[in-house]
N, C-alpha and C. Protein backbone atom coordinates (compact mmCIF):
# COMPACT_ATOMS: atom_id res chain seq x y z
N UNK A 1 0.85 -1.18 0.00
CA UNK A 1 0.00 0.00 0.00
C UNK A 1 0.89 1.23 0.00
N UNK A 2 0.63 2.15 -0.90
CA UNK A 2 1.37 3.40 -0.95
C UNK A 2 0.52 4.49 -0.29
N UNK A 3 1.16 5.29 0.51
CA UNK A 3 0.46 6.35 1.24
C UNK A 3 0.85 7.70 0.65
N UNK A 4 -0.14 8.52 0.34
CA UNK A 4 0.11 9.84 -0.23
C UNK A 4 -0.03 10.93 0.83
N UNK A 5 -0.48 10.55 2.02
CA UNK A 5 -0.69 11.54 3.08
C UNK A 5 0.61 11.79 3.83
N UNK A 6 0.59 12.73 4.75
CA UNK A 6 1.75 13.01 5.59
C UNK A 6 1.96 11.84 6.53
N UNK A 7 2.97 11.04 6.26
CA UNK A 7 3.22 9.84 7.07
C UNK A 7 4.27 10.09 8.14
N UNK A 8 4.73 11.31 8.30
CA UNK A 8 5.78 11.58 9.26
C UNK A 8 5.36 11.22 10.68
N UNK A 9 4.07 11.30 10.95
CA UNK A 9 3.60 10.95 12.30
C UNK A 9 3.78 9.47 12.60
N UNK A 10 3.81 8.65 11.56
CA UNK A 10 3.99 7.21 11.76
C UNK A 10 5.46 6.82 11.72
N UNK A 11 6.35 7.79 11.52
CA UNK A 11 7.77 7.51 11.49
C UNK A 11 8.21 6.76 10.25
N UNK A 12 7.51 6.93 9.14
CA UNK A 12 7.88 6.27 7.89
C UNK A 12 7.99 7.30 6.79
N UNK A 13 8.64 6.95 5.73
CA UNK A 13 8.80 7.81 4.57
C UNK A 13 7.75 7.46 3.53
N UNK A 14 7.57 8.33 2.55
CA UNK A 14 6.62 8.08 1.47
C UNK A 14 6.91 6.74 0.81
N UNK A 15 5.89 5.97 0.54
CA UNK A 15 6.04 4.70 -0.15
C UNK A 15 6.28 3.52 0.77
N UNK A 16 6.59 3.77 2.05
CA UNK A 16 6.81 2.67 2.98
C UNK A 16 5.50 2.21 3.58
N UNK A 17 5.51 1.01 4.14
CA UNK A 17 4.33 0.48 4.83
C UNK A 17 4.08 1.27 6.11
N UNK A 18 2.83 1.47 6.44
CA UNK A 18 2.47 2.10 7.71
C UNK A 18 1.75 1.04 8.54
N UNK A 19 1.68 1.24 9.85
CA UNK A 19 1.02 0.24 10.69
C UNK A 19 -0.42 0.01 10.25
N UNK A 20 -0.88 -1.22 10.41
CA UNK A 20 -2.27 -1.53 10.07
C UNK A 20 -3.09 -1.76 11.32
N UNK A 21 -2.43 -1.91 12.47
CA UNK A 21 -3.16 -2.09 13.72
C UNK A 21 -2.39 -1.42 14.84
N UNK A 22 -3.11 -1.10 15.90
CA UNK A 22 -2.52 -0.49 17.09
C UNK A 22 -2.96 -1.30 18.29
N UNK A 23 -1.99 -1.68 19.10
CA UNK A 23 -2.28 -2.51 20.27
C UNK A 23 -2.66 -1.64 21.46
N UNK A 24 -3.72 -2.05 22.16
CA UNK A 24 -4.14 -1.36 23.37
C UNK A 24 -4.05 -2.32 24.54
N UNK A 25 -3.95 -1.77 25.72
CA UNK A 25 -3.99 -2.58 26.94
C UNK A 25 -5.40 -2.49 27.50
N UNK A 26 -5.96 -3.59 27.84
CA UNK A 26 -7.32 -3.60 28.36
C UNK A 26 -8.32 -3.80 27.24
N UNK A 27 -9.59 -3.89 27.61
CA UNK A 27 -10.64 -4.21 26.63
C UNK A 27 -11.08 -3.04 25.76
N UNK A 28 -10.77 -1.79 26.16
CA UNK A 28 -11.25 -0.65 25.39
C UNK A 28 -10.33 0.55 25.62
N UNK A 29 -10.50 1.56 24.77
CA UNK A 29 -9.76 2.81 24.89
C UNK A 29 -10.64 3.92 24.32
N UNK A 30 -10.57 5.11 24.92
CA UNK A 30 -11.33 6.24 24.41
C UNK A 30 -10.74 6.69 23.08
N UNK A 31 -11.60 7.17 22.20
CA UNK A 31 -11.19 7.57 20.86
C UNK A 31 -10.07 8.62 20.89
N UNK A 32 -10.22 9.64 21.70
CA UNK A 32 -9.19 10.69 21.77
C UNK A 32 -7.84 10.12 22.18
N UNK A 33 -7.83 9.24 23.16
CA UNK A 33 -6.58 8.62 23.61
C UNK A 33 -5.99 7.74 22.52
N UNK A 34 -6.86 7.04 21.78
CA UNK A 34 -6.38 6.18 20.69
C UNK A 34 -5.71 7.01 19.60
N UNK A 35 -6.29 8.16 19.27
CA UNK A 35 -5.70 9.00 18.23
C UNK A 35 -4.31 9.47 18.64
N UNK A 36 -4.12 9.77 19.92
CA UNK A 36 -2.80 10.16 20.40
C UNK A 36 -1.85 8.96 20.42
N UNK A 37 -2.32 7.83 20.93
CA UNK A 37 -1.50 6.62 21.00
C UNK A 37 -0.99 6.20 19.63
N UNK A 38 -1.86 6.27 18.64
CA UNK A 38 -1.50 5.85 17.29
C UNK A 38 -0.77 6.95 16.51
N UNK A 39 -0.59 8.10 17.12
CA UNK A 39 0.06 9.26 16.53
C UNK A 39 -0.70 9.82 15.32
N UNK A 40 -2.00 9.55 15.28
CA UNK A 40 -2.85 10.18 14.27
C UNK A 40 -3.16 11.62 14.67
N UNK A 41 -2.98 11.93 15.96
CA UNK A 41 -3.11 13.29 16.48
C UNK A 41 -1.91 13.52 17.40
N UNK A 42 -1.33 14.70 17.31
CA UNK A 42 -0.13 15.00 18.10
C UNK A 42 -0.46 15.44 19.53
N UNK A 43 -1.72 15.80 19.77
CA UNK A 43 -2.13 16.27 21.09
C UNK A 43 -3.61 15.99 21.30
N UNK A 44 -4.03 16.15 22.55
CA UNK A 44 -5.45 15.99 22.84
C UNK A 44 -6.28 17.05 22.14
N UNK A 45 -5.72 18.26 22.02
CA UNK A 45 -6.43 19.33 21.33
C UNK A 45 -6.63 19.02 19.86
N UNK A 46 -5.59 18.48 19.23
CA UNK A 46 -5.72 18.13 17.83
C UNK A 46 -6.74 17.00 17.65
N UNK A 47 -6.70 16.00 18.56
CA UNK A 47 -7.66 14.90 18.51
C UNK A 47 -9.09 15.46 18.61
N UNK A 48 -9.29 16.38 19.54
CA UNK A 48 -10.61 16.99 19.73
C UNK A 48 -11.08 17.68 18.45
N UNK A 49 -10.20 18.46 17.82
CA UNK A 49 -10.57 19.16 16.59
C UNK A 49 -10.91 18.20 15.45
N UNK A 50 -10.12 17.14 15.30
CA UNK A 50 -10.38 16.16 14.25
C UNK A 50 -11.74 15.49 14.45
N UNK A 51 -12.02 15.13 15.69
CA UNK A 51 -13.27 14.43 16.01
C UNK A 51 -14.46 15.37 15.80
N UNK A 52 -14.38 16.58 16.34
CA UNK A 52 -15.49 17.52 16.22
C UNK A 52 -15.75 17.93 14.78
N UNK A 53 -14.72 17.91 13.94
CA UNK A 53 -14.88 18.28 12.53
C UNK A 53 -15.46 17.14 11.71
N UNK A 54 -15.67 15.98 12.33
CA UNK A 54 -16.24 14.85 11.62
C UNK A 54 -15.25 14.14 10.71
N UNK A 55 -13.96 14.31 10.98
CA UNK A 55 -12.92 13.72 10.15
C UNK A 55 -12.50 12.32 10.59
N UNK A 56 -13.13 11.82 11.65
CA UNK A 56 -12.78 10.49 12.17
C UNK A 56 -13.94 9.53 11.90
N UNK A 57 -13.63 8.43 11.26
CA UNK A 57 -14.62 7.38 11.00
C UNK A 57 -14.27 6.16 11.84
N UNK A 58 -15.29 5.60 12.47
CA UNK A 58 -15.15 4.34 13.21
C UNK A 58 -16.01 3.32 12.48
N UNK A 59 -15.38 2.28 12.00
CA UNK A 59 -16.09 1.24 11.24
C UNK A 59 -16.93 1.85 10.11
N UNK A 60 -16.37 2.89 9.47
CA UNK A 60 -17.02 3.51 8.33
C UNK A 60 -18.05 4.58 8.67
N UNK A 61 -18.29 4.83 9.96
CA UNK A 61 -19.29 5.82 10.37
C UNK A 61 -18.62 7.00 11.08
N UNK A 62 -19.04 8.23 10.79
CA UNK A 62 -18.46 9.38 11.49
C UNK A 62 -18.72 9.30 12.99
N UNK A 63 -17.72 9.67 13.77
CA UNK A 63 -17.86 9.67 15.23
C UNK A 63 -17.43 11.03 15.75
N UNK A 64 -18.29 11.69 16.52
CA UNK A 64 -18.00 13.03 17.03
C UNK A 64 -17.86 13.07 18.55
N UNK A 65 -17.80 11.91 19.17
CA UNK A 65 -17.63 11.87 20.63
C UNK A 65 -16.20 11.45 20.96
N UNK A 66 -15.47 12.33 21.65
CA UNK A 66 -14.09 12.04 22.02
C UNK A 66 -13.98 10.84 22.94
N UNK A 67 -14.98 10.64 23.76
CA UNK A 67 -14.94 9.55 24.75
C UNK A 67 -15.55 8.24 24.24
N UNK A 68 -15.87 8.18 22.97
CA UNK A 68 -16.38 6.94 22.39
C UNK A 68 -15.37 5.83 22.66
N UNK A 69 -15.84 4.70 23.17
CA UNK A 69 -14.94 3.60 23.50
C UNK A 69 -14.71 2.69 22.29
N UNK A 70 -13.45 2.51 21.98
CA UNK A 70 -13.05 1.59 20.92
C UNK A 70 -12.73 0.24 21.54
N UNK A 71 -13.05 -0.80 20.80
CA UNK A 71 -12.78 -2.17 21.25
C UNK A 71 -12.03 -2.91 20.16
N UNK A 72 -11.48 -4.06 20.52
CA UNK A 72 -10.72 -4.86 19.55
C UNK A 72 -11.56 -5.08 18.29
N UNK A 73 -10.92 -4.89 17.15
CA UNK A 73 -11.59 -5.09 15.87
C UNK A 73 -12.16 -3.83 15.26
N UNK A 74 -12.32 -2.76 16.05
CA UNK A 74 -12.82 -1.50 15.49
C UNK A 74 -11.80 -0.95 14.50
N UNK A 75 -12.31 -0.33 13.45
CA UNK A 75 -11.45 0.25 12.40
C UNK A 75 -11.58 1.77 12.47
N UNK A 76 -10.43 2.44 12.53
CA UNK A 76 -10.39 3.90 12.69
C UNK A 76 -9.71 4.50 11.47
N UNK A 77 -10.37 5.49 10.87
CA UNK A 77 -9.81 6.20 9.71
C UNK A 77 -9.92 7.70 10.00
N UNK A 78 -8.85 8.43 9.73
CA UNK A 78 -8.83 9.87 9.96
C UNK A 78 -8.52 10.58 8.66
N UNK A 79 -9.31 11.59 8.34
CA UNK A 79 -9.13 12.41 7.13
C UNK A 79 -9.16 11.56 5.85
N UNK A 80 -9.79 10.42 5.88
CA UNK A 80 -9.84 9.57 4.70
C UNK A 80 -8.54 8.86 4.40
N UNK A 81 -7.55 9.01 5.29
CA UNK A 81 -6.24 8.40 5.09
C UNK A 81 -6.25 6.94 5.54
N UNK A 82 -5.14 6.49 5.95
CA UNK A 82 -4.90 5.12 6.35
C UNK A 82 -5.84 4.65 7.45
N UNK A 83 -6.28 3.41 7.35
CA UNK A 83 -7.18 2.82 8.34
C UNK A 83 -6.37 1.95 9.31
N UNK A 84 -6.63 2.13 10.61
CA UNK A 84 -5.99 1.32 11.64
C UNK A 84 -7.02 0.45 12.33
N UNK A 85 -6.63 -0.75 12.71
CA UNK A 85 -7.49 -1.68 13.43
C UNK A 85 -7.03 -1.72 14.87
N UNK A 86 -7.98 -1.64 15.80
CA UNK A 86 -7.69 -1.74 17.22
C UNK A 86 -7.41 -3.20 17.55
N UNK A 87 -6.30 -3.44 18.23
CA UNK A 87 -5.91 -4.81 18.61
C UNK A 87 -5.57 -4.82 20.08
N UNK A 88 -6.08 -5.80 20.82
CA UNK A 88 -5.79 -5.92 22.24
C UNK A 88 -4.40 -6.55 22.43
N UNK A 89 -3.82 -6.28 23.59
CA UNK A 89 -2.48 -6.79 23.89
C UNK A 89 -2.42 -8.31 23.80
N UNK A 90 -3.55 -8.98 24.01
CA UNK A 90 -3.54 -10.46 23.93
C UNK A 90 -3.61 -10.96 22.49
N UNK A 91 -3.61 -10.01 21.52
CA UNK A 91 -3.58 -10.38 20.12
C UNK A 91 -4.93 -10.42 19.42
N UNK A 92 -6.03 -10.26 20.15
CA UNK A 92 -7.33 -10.31 19.50
C UNK A 92 -7.56 -9.06 18.67
N UNK A 93 -8.26 -9.23 17.57
CA UNK A 93 -8.60 -8.10 16.70
C UNK A 93 -10.08 -8.03 16.44
N UNK A 94 -10.84 -8.79 17.14
CA UNK A 94 -12.27 -8.66 16.94
C UNK A 94 -13.00 -9.91 16.72
């Protein structure tokens, strides 16, 4: 998969693979925290702006609640860019 978006947040260069899943500890994580953990947002403020602007999709649906709980197997897409899958530390993806 080639990425045309700014991939610097993922620590990769243009044309390189980006992560497809992000591991969380515990059964769930709040959306805002997930965006920071996955480096899709550099701060809580940026996460809030992305979410409120409707730029975050969870399983293909817009989500505007920062505290929405993500669980293993949920798919998160920001700005129409790369999609990440939530994965629990025990390896489950849904």
